[in-house]
Amino acid sequence: MKLARNMKLLRHEMRITQEKMAEKCDVSRSTLAKWESELAIPDIYMIDRIAGIFNVTLDELVRGEGEGKLDEKELIYGKIEEV
């Protein structure tokens, strides 16, 4: 799922730990970890909040579409995961 991958990618880019991101979202670190590992999905209100934290649109966060901010990062992240 692109949402989980994009959340993790943007969090890493902003150098925010899971603990700090969980605080910003007012959830536990384990909840955030579940979102990033696709074991759970945040509700639409939380997804909107997360998009605001990362300063991206909902489309960019959920589908990786929009202004193109994630396109190049996604390619880089994919190469990192392959290593």
PDB file of N, CA and C in Angstrom:
ATOM      1  N   MET A   1       0.833  -1.173   0.000  1.00  0.00           N
ATOM      2  CA  MET A   1       0.000   0.000   0.000  1.00  0.00           C
ATOM      3  C   MET A   1       0.885   1.247   0.000  1.00  0.00           C
ATOM      4  N   LYS A   2       0.557   2.153  -0.870  1.00  0.00           N
ATOM      5  CA  LYS A   2       1.369   3.360  -0.999  1.00  0.00           C
ATOM      6  C   LYS A   2       1.287   4.254   0.232  1.00  0.00           C
ATOM      7  N   LEU A   3       0.141   4.275   0.905  1.00  0.00           N
ATOM      8  CA  LEU A   3       0.006   5.130   2.086  1.00  0.00           C
ATOM      9  C   LEU A   3       1.077   4.796   3.117  1.00  0.00           C
ATOM     10  N   ALA A   4       1.218   3.542   3.454  1.00  0.00           N
ATOM     11  CA  ALA A   4       2.202   3.124   4.461  1.00  0.00           C
ATOM     12  C   ALA A   4       3.619   3.480   4.018  1.00  0.00           C
ATOM     13  N   ARG A   5       3.928   3.175   2.774  1.00  0.00           N
ATOM     14  CA  ARG A   5       5.266   3.459   2.253  1.00  0.00           C
ATOM     15  C   ARG A   5       5.531   4.960   2.231  1.00  0.00           C
ATOM     16  N   ASN A   6       4.544   5.736   1.806  1.00  0.00           N
ATOM     17  CA  ASN A   6       4.709   7.187   1.734  1.00  0.00           C
ATOM     18  C   ASN A   6       4.852   7.810   3.120  1.00  0.00           C
ATOM     19  N   MET A   7       4.082   7.309   4.079  1.00  0.00           N
ATOM     20  CA  MET A   7       4.212   7.824   5.442  1.00  0.00           C
ATOM     21  C   MET A   7       5.627   7.594   5.968  1.00  0.00           C
ATOM     22  N   LYS A   8       6.113   6.396   5.765  1.00  0.00           N
ATOM     23  CA  LYS A   8       7.445   6.051   6.250  1.00  0.00           C
ATOM     24  C   LYS A   8       8.512   6.869   5.527  1.00  0.00           C
ATOM     25  N   LEU A   9       8.368   6.986   4.224  1.00  0.00           N
ATOM     26  CA  LEU A   9       9.312   7.749   3.417  1.00  0.00           C
ATOM     27  C   LEU A   9       9.378   9.207   3.861  1.00  0.00           C
ATOM     28  N   LEU A  10       8.228   9.829   4.012  1.00  0.00           N
ATOM     29  CA  LEU A  10       8.197  11.235   4.407  1.00  0.00           C
ATOM     30  C   LEU A  10       8.711  11.431   5.827  1.00  0.00           C
ATOM     31  N   ARG A  11       8.381  10.502   6.705  1.00  0.00           N
ATOM     32  CA  ARG A  11       8.866  10.600   8.085  1.00  0.00           C
ATOM     33  C   ARG A  11      10.386  10.519   8.123  1.00  0.00           C
ATOM     34  N   HIS A  12      10.944   9.588   7.354  1.00  0.00           N
ATOM     35  CA  HIS A  12      12.404   9.461   7.301  1.00  0.00           C
ATOM     36  C   HIS A  12      13.030  10.712   6.704  1.00  0.00           C
ATOM     37  N   GLU A  13      12.418  11.237   5.655  1.00  0.00           N
ATOM     38  CA  GLU A  13      12.958  12.435   5.010  1.00  0.00           C
ATOM     39  C   GLU A  13      12.998  13.611   5.980  1.00  0.00           C
ATOM     40  N   MET A  14      11.982  13.706   6.814  1.00  0.00           N
ATOM     41  CA  MET A  14      11.927  14.809   7.777  1.00  0.00           C
ATOM     42  C   MET A  14      12.711  14.495   9.053  1.00  0.00           C
ATOM     43  N   ARG A  15      13.303  13.308   9.078  1.00  0.00           N
ATOM     44  CA  ARG A  15      14.111  12.873  10.228  1.00  0.00           C
ATOM     45  C   ARG A  15      13.313  12.915  11.532  1.00  0.00           C
ATOM     46  N   ILE A  16      12.105  12.381  11.437  1.00  0.00           N
ATOM     47  CA  ILE A  16      11.228  12.299  12.596  1.00  0.00           C
ATOM     48  C   ILE A  16      11.173  10.830  13.026  1.00  0.00           C
ATOM     49  N   THR A  17      11.381  10.580  14.288  1.00  0.00           N
ATOM     50  CA  THR A  17      11.291   9.213  14.796  1.00  0.00           C
ATOM     51  C   THR A  17       9.827   8.784  14.857  1.00  0.00           C
ATOM     52  N   GLN A  18       9.611   7.480  14.947  1.00  0.00           N
ATOM     53  CA  GLN A  18       8.243   6.992  15.118  1.00  0.00           C
ATOM     54  C   GLN A  18       7.637   7.558  16.394  1.00  0.00           C
ATOM     55  N   GLU A  19       8.433   7.635  17.434  1.00  0.00           N
ATOM     56  CA  GLU A  19       7.958   8.160  18.719  1.00  0.00           C
ATOM     57  C   GLU A  19       7.470   9.600  18.570  1.00  0.00           C
ATOM     58  N   LYS A  20       8.262  10.445  17.916  1.00  0.00           N
ATOM     59  CA  LYS A  20       7.907  11.854  17.733  1.00  0.00           C
ATOM     60  C   LYS A  20       6.682  11.995  16.827  1.00  0.00           C
ATOM     61  N   MET A  21       6.628  11.210  15.760  1.00  0.00           N
ATOM     62  CA  MET A  21       5.478  11.263  14.858  1.00  0.00           C
ATOM     63  C   MET A  21       4.216  10.813  15.575  1.00  0.00           C
ATOM     64  N   ALA A  22       4.336   9.787  16.395  1.00  0.00           N
ATOM     65  CA  ALA A  22       3.185   9.309  17.165  1.00  0.00           C
ATOM     66  C   ALA A  22       2.674  10.414  18.087  1.00  0.00           C
ATOM     67  N   GLU A  23       3.587  11.162  18.690  1.00  0.00           N
ATOM     68  CA  GLU A  23       3.190  12.281  19.551  1.00  0.00           C
ATOM     69  C   GLU A  23       2.431  13.335  18.745  1.00  0.00           C
ATOM     70  N   LYS A  24       2.928  13.647  17.549  1.00  0.00           N
ATOM     71  CA  LYS A  24       2.274  14.648  16.706  1.00  0.00           C
ATOM     72  C   LYS A  24       0.863  14.199  16.314  1.00  0.00           C
ATOM     73  N   CYS A  25       0.681  12.886  16.175  1.00  0.00           N
ATOM     74  CA  CYS A  25      -0.618  12.328  15.784  1.00  0.00           C
ATOM     75  C   CYS A  25      -1.489  11.994  16.984  1.00  0.00           C
ATOM     76  N   ASP A  26      -0.922  12.113  18.172  1.00  0.00           N
ATOM     77  CA  ASP A  26      -1.629  11.792  19.414  1.00  0.00           C
ATOM     78  C   ASP A  26      -2.074  10.327  19.448  1.00  0.00           C
ATOM     79  N   VAL A  27      -1.146   9.446  19.040  1.00  0.00           N
ATOM     80  CA  VAL A  27      -1.362   8.000  19.100  1.00  0.00           C
ATOM     81  C   VAL A  27      -0.112   7.360  19.702  1.00  0.00           C
ATOM     82  N   SER A  28      -0.187   6.077  19.988  1.00  0.00           N
ATOM     83  CA  SER A  28       0.984   5.377  20.515  1.00  0.00           C
ATOM     84  C   SER A  28       1.967   5.068  19.387  1.00  0.00           C
ATOM     85  N   ARG A  29       3.210   4.835  19.749  1.00  0.00           N
ATOM     86  CA  ARG A  29       4.216   4.478  18.759  1.00  0.00           C
ATOM     87  C   ARG A  29       3.841   3.166  18.087  1.00  0.00           C
ATOM     88  N   SER A  30       3.264   2.244  18.837  1.00  0.00           N
ATOM     89  CA  SER A  30       2.891   0.955  18.242  1.00  0.00           C
ATOM     90  C   SER A  30       1.777   1.116  17.206  1.00  0.00           C
ATOM     91  N   THR A  31       0.884   2.069  17.420  1.00  0.00           N
ATOM     92  CA  THR A  31      -0.158   2.344  16.421  1.00  0.00           C
ATOM     93  C   THR A  31       0.472   2.872  15.144  1.00  0.00           C
ATOM     94  N   LEU A  32       1.384   3.802  15.283  1.00  0.00           N
ATOM     95  CA  LEU A  32       2.076   4.345  14.107  1.00  0.00           C
ATOM     96  C   LEU A  32       2.841   3.234  13.381  1.00  0.00           C
ATOM     97  N   ALA A  33       3.498   2.376  14.130  1.00  0.00           N
ATOM     98  CA  ALA A  33       4.244   1.266  13.528  1.00  0.00           C
ATOM     99  C   ALA A  33       3.303   0.352  12.747  1.00  0.00           C
ATOM    100  N   LYS A  34       2.110   0.126  13.259  1.00  0.00           N
ATOM    101  CA  LYS A  34       1.122  -0.707  12.548  1.00  0.00           C
ATOM    102  C   LYS A  34       0.708  -0.050  11.241  1.00  0.00           C
ATOM    103  N   TRP A  35       0.533   1.282  11.254  1.00  0.00           N
ATOM    104  CA  TRP A  35       0.184   1.984  10.019  1.00  0.00           C
ATOM    105  C   TRP A  35       1.286   1.829   8.989  1.00  0.00           C
ATOM    106  N   GLU A  36       2.529   1.989   9.421  1.00  0.00           N
ATOM    107  CA  GLU A  36       3.660   1.937   8.486  1.00  0.00           C
ATOM    108  C   GLU A  36       3.957   0.523   8.009  1.00  0.00           C
ATOM    109  N   SER A  37       3.516  -0.479   8.733  1.00  0.00           N
ATOM    110  CA  SER A  37       3.755  -1.868   8.323  1.00  0.00           C
ATOM    111  C   SER A  37       2.507  -2.501   7.717  1.00  0.00           C
ATOM    112  N   GLU A  38       1.490  -1.680   7.457  1.00  0.00           N
ATOM    113  CA  GLU A  38       0.250  -2.108   6.811  1.00  0.00           C
ATOM    114  C   GLU A  38      -0.567  -3.100   7.633  1.00  0.00           C
ATOM    115  N   LEU A  39      -0.389  -3.105   8.934  1.00  0.00           N
ATOM    116  CA  LEU A  39      -1.196  -3.954   9.800  1.00  0.00           C
ATOM    117  C   LEU A  39      -2.492  -3.254  10.205  1.00  0.00           C
ATOM    118  N   ALA A  40      -2.534  -1.940   9.986  1.00  0.00           N
ATOM    119  CA  ALA A  40      -3.723  -1.135  10.264  1.00  0.00           C
ATOM    120  C   ALA A  40      -3.692   0.082   9.358  1.00  0.00           C
ATOM    121  N   ILE A  41      -4.837   0.719   9.215  1.00  0.00           N
ATOM    122  CA  ILE A  41      -4.944   1.915   8.376  1.00  0.00           C
ATOM    123  C   ILE A  41      -5.557   3.028   9.212  1.00  0.00           C
ATOM    124  N   PRO A  42      -4.933   4.213   9.222  1.00  0.00           N
ATOM    125  CA  PRO A  42      -5.529   5.326   9.959  1.00  0.00           C
ATOM    126  C   PRO A  42      -6.839   5.768   9.314  1.00  0.00           C
ATOM    127  N   ASP A  43      -7.745   6.352  10.117  1.00  0.00           N
ATOM    128  CA  ASP A  43      -8.994   6.838   9.524  1.00  0.00           C
ATOM    129  C   ASP A  43      -8.721   8.101   8.696  1.00  0.00           C
ATOM    130  N   ILE A  44      -9.710   8.500   7.940  1.00  0.00           N
ATOM    131  CA  ILE A  44      -9.526   9.605   6.990  1.00  0.00           C
ATOM    132  C   ILE A  44      -9.153  10.908   7.684  1.00  0.00           C
ATOM    133  N   TYR A  45      -9.658  11.136   8.883  1.00  0.00           N
ATOM    134  CA  TYR A  45      -9.311  12.358   9.611  1.00  0.00           C
ATOM    135  C   TYR A  45      -7.835  12.356  10.009  1.00  0.00           C
ATOM    136  N   MET A  46      -7.347  11.185  10.388  1.00  0.00           N
ATOM    137  CA  MET A  46      -5.938  11.076  10.756  1.00  0.00           C
ATOM    138  C   MET A  46      -5.053  11.185   9.510  1.00  0.00           C
ATOM    139  N   ILE A  47      -5.493  10.615   8.409  1.00  0.00           N
ATOM    140  CA  ILE A  47      -4.724  10.726   7.169  1.00  0.00           C
ATOM    141  C   ILE A  47      -4.594  12.193   6.765  1.00  0.00           C
ATOM    142  N   ASP A  48      -5.675  12.948   6.918  1.00  0.00           N
ATOM    143  CA  ASP A  48      -5.634  14.382   6.611  1.00  0.00           C
ATOM    144  C   ASP A  48      -4.663  15.097   7.547  1.00  0.00           C
ATOM    145  N   ARG A  49      -4.683  14.734   8.801  1.00  0.00           N
ATOM    146  CA  ARG A  49      -3.769  15.328   9.779  1.00  0.00           C
ATOM    147  C   ARG A  49      -2.312  15.019   9.433  1.00  0.00           C
ATOM    148  N   ILE A  50      -2.052  13.777   9.055  1.00  0.00           N
ATOM    149  CA  ILE A  50      -0.698  13.354   8.686  1.00  0.00           C
ATOM    150  C   ILE A  50      -0.231  14.112   7.444  1.00  0.00           C
ATOM    151  N   ALA A  51      -1.122  14.258   6.461  1.00  0.00           N
ATOM    152  CA  ALA A  51      -0.768  15.021   5.256  1.00  0.00           C
ATOM    153  C   ALA A  51      -0.372  16.446   5.633  1.00  0.00           C
ATOM    154  N   GLY A  52      -1.090  17.040   6.583  1.00  0.00           N
ATOM    155  CA  GLY A  52      -0.763  18.383   7.039  1.00  0.00           C
ATOM    156  C   GLY A  52       0.596  18.447   7.721  1.00  0.00           C
ATOM    157  N   ILE A  53       0.900  17.438   8.523  1.00  0.00           N
ATOM    158  CA  ILE A  53       2.197  17.383   9.201  1.00  0.00           C
ATOM    159  C   ILE A  53       3.328  17.337   8.173  1.00  0.00           C
ATOM    160  N   PHE A  54       3.123  16.551   7.126  1.00  0.00           N
ATOM    161  CA  PHE A  54       4.149  16.404   6.090  1.00  0.00           C
ATOM    162  C   PHE A  54       4.070  17.487   5.014  1.00  0.00           C
ATOM    163  N   ASN A  55       3.043  18.326   5.076  1.00  0.00           N
ATOM    164  CA  ASN A  55       2.861  19.394   4.100  1.00  0.00           C
ATOM    165  C   ASN A  55       2.742  18.847   2.674  1.00  0.00           C
ATOM    166  N   VAL A  56       1.943  17.805   2.525  1.00  0.00           N
ATOM    167  CA  VAL A  56       1.642  17.232   1.214  1.00  0.00           C
ATOM    168  C   VAL A  56       0.125  17.137   1.077  1.00  0.00           C
ATOM    169  N   THR A  57      -0.341  16.917  -0.137  1.00  0.00           N
ATOM    170  CA  THR A  57      -1.775  16.743  -0.349  1.00  0.00           C
ATOM    171  C   THR A  57      -2.184  15.327   0.036  1.00  0.00           C
ATOM    172  N   LEU A  58      -3.493  15.125   0.190  1.00  0.00           N
ATOM    173  CA  LEU A  58      -3.995  13.776   0.466  1.00  0.00           C
ATOM    174  C   LEU A  58      -3.628  12.824  -0.667  1.00  0.00           C
ATOM    175  N   ASP A  59      -3.754  13.287  -1.907  1.00  0.00           N
ATOM    176  CA  ASP A  59      -3.393  12.442  -3.052  1.00  0.00           C
ATOM    177  C   ASP A  59      -1.935  12.008  -2.985  1.00  0.00           C
ATOM    178  N   GLU A  60      -1.070  12.941  -2.659  1.00  0.00           N
ATOM    179  CA  GLU A  60       0.354  12.583  -2.562  1.00  0.00           C
ATOM    180  C   GLU A  60       0.585  11.568  -1.459  1.00  0.00           C
ATOM    181  N   LEU A  61      -0.041  11.772  -0.323  1.00  0.00           N
ATOM    182  CA  LEU A  61       0.170  10.857   0.795  1.00  0.00           C
ATOM    183  C   LEU A  61      -0.416   9.477   0.516  1.00  0.00           C
ATOM    184  N   VAL A  62      -1.632   9.446   0.007  1.00  0.00           N
ATOM    185  CA  VAL A  62      -2.324   8.166  -0.168  1.00  0.00           C
ATOM    186  C   VAL A  62      -1.887   7.430  -1.426  1.00  0.00           C
ATOM    187  N   ARG A  63      -1.758   8.170  -2.523  1.00  0.00           N
ATOM    188  CA  ARG A  63      -1.465   7.513  -3.795  1.00  0.00           C
ATOM    189  C   ARG A  63      -0.117   7.871  -4.391  1.00  0.00           C
ATOM    190  N   GLY A  64       0.569   8.850  -3.810  1.00  0.00           N
ATOM    191  CA  GLY A  64       1.846   9.263  -4.362  1.00  0.00           C
ATOM    192  C   GLY A  64       1.690  10.118  -5.594  1.00  0.00           C
ATOM    193  N   GLU A  65       0.488  10.719  -5.765  1.00  0.00           N
ATOM    194  CA  GLU A  65       0.215  11.545  -6.934  1.00  0.00           C
ATOM    195  C   GLU A  65       0.023  12.994  -6.517  1.00  0.00           C
ATOM    196  N   GLY A  66       0.234  13.890  -7.441  1.00  0.00           N
ATOM    197  CA  GLY A  66       0.025  15.308  -7.155  1.00  0.00           C
ATOM    198  C   GLY A  66       1.150  16.140  -7.706  1.00  0.00           C
ATOM    199  N   GLU A  67       1.766  16.902  -6.860  1.00  0.00           N
ATOM    200  CA  GLU A  67       2.817  17.824  -7.274  1.00  0.00           C
ATOM    201  C   GLU A  67       4.119  17.127  -7.648  1.00  0.00           C
ATOM    202  N   GLY A  68       4.231  15.850  -7.379  1.00  0.00           N
ATOM    203  CA  GLY A  68       5.434  15.130  -7.758  1.00  0.00           C
ATOM    204  C   GLY A  68       6.498  15.069  -6.686  1.00  0.00           C
ATOM    205  N   LYS A  69       6.197  15.528  -5.501  1.00  0.00           N
ATOM    206  CA  LYS A  69       7.187  15.533  -4.432  1.00  0.00           C
ATOM    207  C   LYS A  69       7.665  14.125  -4.083  1.00  0.00           C
ATOM    208  N   LEU A  70       6.778  13.148  -4.233  1.00  0.00           N
ATOM    209  CA  LEU A  70       7.127  11.792  -3.832  1.00  0.00           C
ATOM    210  C   LEU A  70       7.737  10.968  -4.972  1.00  0.00           C
ATOM    211  N   ASP A  71       7.560  11.389  -6.203  1.00  0.00           N
ATOM    212  CA  ASP A  71       8.017  10.587  -7.340  1.00  0.00           C
ATOM    213  C   ASP A  71       9.493  10.222  -7.250  1.00  0.00           C
ATOM    214  N   GLU A  72      10.345  11.212  -7.141  1.00  0.00           N
ATOM    215  CA  GLU A  72      11.785  10.968  -7.092  1.00  0.00           C
ATOM    216  C   GLU A  72      12.169  10.262  -5.793  1.00  0.00           C
ATOM    217  N   LYS A  73      11.560  10.664  -4.697  1.00  0.00           N
ATOM    218  CA  LYS A  73      11.855  10.042  -3.401  1.00  0.00           C
ATOM    219  C   LYS A  73      11.480   8.573  -3.410  1.00  0.00           C
ATOM    220  N   GLU A  74      10.377   8.254  -4.064  1.00  0.00           N
ATOM    221  CA  GLU A  74       9.914   6.872  -4.145  1.00  0.00           C
ATOM    222  C   GLU A  74      10.942   6.014  -4.871  1.00  0.00           C
ATOM    223  N   LEU A  75      11.526   6.552  -5.924  1.00  0.00           N
ATOM    224  CA  LEU A  75      12.556   5.814  -6.656  1.00  0.00           C
ATOM    225  C   LEU A  75      13.773   5.575  -5.772  1.00  0.00           C
ATOM    226  N   ILE A  76      14.174   6.590  -5.042  1.00  0.00           N
ATOM    227  CA  ILE A  76      15.326   6.458  -4.146  1.00  0.00           C
ATOM    228  C   ILE A  76      15.015   5.467  -3.046  1.00  0.00           C
ATOM    229  N   TYR A  77      13.817   5.566  -2.441  1.00  0.00           N
ATOM    230  CA  TYR A  77      13.445   4.688  -1.356  1.00  0.00           C
ATOM    231  C   TYR A  77      13.394   3.232  -1.836  1.00  0.00           C
ATOM    232  N   GLY A  78      12.871   3.032  -3.029  1.00  0.00           N
ATOM    233  CA  GLY A  78      12.806   1.684  -3.592  1.00  0.00           C
ATOM    234  C   GLY A  78      14.199   1.075  -3.732  1.00  0.00           C
ATOM    235  N   LYS A  79      15.167   1.886  -4.138  1.00  0.00           N
ATOM    236  CA  LYS A  79      16.540   1.404  -4.264  1.00  0.00           C
ATOM    237  C   LYS A  79      17.145   1.079  -2.906  1.00  0.00           C
ATOM    238  N   ILE A  80      16.801   1.859  -1.890  1.00  0.00           N
ATOM    239  CA  ILE A  80      17.298   1.596  -0.544  1.00  0.00           C
ATOM    240  C   ILE A  80      16.749   0.282  -0.029  1.00  0.00           C
ATOM    241  N   GLU A  81      15.460   0.019  -0.274  1.00  0.00           N
ATOM    242  CA  GLU A  81      14.848  -1.227   0.201  1.00  0.00           C
ATOM    243  C   GLU A  81      15.458  -2.452  -0.487  1.00  0.00           C
ATOM    244  N   GLU A  82      15.911  -2.292  -1.724  1.00  0.00           N
ATOM    245  CA  GLU A  82      16.484  -3.422  -2.456  1.00  0.00           C
ATOM    246  C   GLU A  82      17.823  -3.859  -1.887  1.00  0.00           C
ATOM    247  N   VAL A  83      18.549  -2.944  -1.261  1.00  0.00           N
ATOM    248  CA  VAL A  83      19.891  -3.236  -0.749  1.00  0.00           C
ATOM    249  C   VAL A  83      19.829  -4.202   0.399  1.00  0.00           C
TER     250      VAL A  83
END
